Amino acid sequence: MNCFPNILCALANCIFLCNVLLGTVQAEIPPAPPFTNGSGDPAMNGMKHAGVAFTGTGIEVHLAESPPSPVVMTPSGGRDFTPDKFDVLEQGYFNGQHGWLPEGVFNGLPQGASIWIQRTGASQPPGAAFHVYEGGNMTQGMDTWTMQEVYADGTPWQWDGLMQHDYFVVDRPGQYSMSFDVYVGDSQGIPWSGLSAGSTTLSFVAVPEPTALFSVLLGGLMLRGRRRR
């Protein structure tokens, strides 16, 4: 088993913690979606697309196998992101690897129709917060992304048919997943009669930071030592 990536991740977190204590943390642009895997293994970076195709009778969604599911979320670790709209990533853990990608051209859509995406369910640890913030693609540039919350309360989101990577954000470690329907709808997001919807589920895991684990272990050892006295 190659522990080197984990050692590097732990070292980076320790250095960051020292910077926090010394008050030398600098504002930074957040990592682009392909580089938001928090496993410490560069091989796990990359984009994981849900390909969307219009078949003429409805929508089909095909989720890429790589990178493997669940993708590991990146800990914010008290980092300060700039510009301010990216402050939403500082809540705990985030990942933007999952994205929507058109498979072919959406020819044959009824006049006035468009593609809509709607959250249909989510799983998360009890009491955990789980949000999605609107990104975009790197051709547009991160400075143009709104970073406004989307899919809240099941509200459908109108897709422009371009590659789309949003940031999924949680506030504590654990297993997370979010399910979606992708469908053809009118200008108000009402499903178009006679056309079927596609569906997919995106999965994530947020793992405690090495520095946090070290603090827990250290606290346990100190408590054990006191009990022995």
Foldseek 3Di string as FASTA:
>chain_A
DDCVLVVVLQVVLVVVVVCVVVVNADAEADDDQQPFFAPSDNLQGAAWEFEWEAPLQAIATDTDCPPHPPGEWHFLSPHHYPDPLCVLQNQTTKHFRYKYAYDDDPPNAPPQKAKKKWWDDKDDPPPKDKWKFWAADPVVPRVPTRRHTPNPPGDIDTDPNHITTIMIHMRDFDKMKIKMKMTMDHPRRHGDPRYDIYMDMHIYGYDDRPVVVVVVVVVVVVVVVVVVD
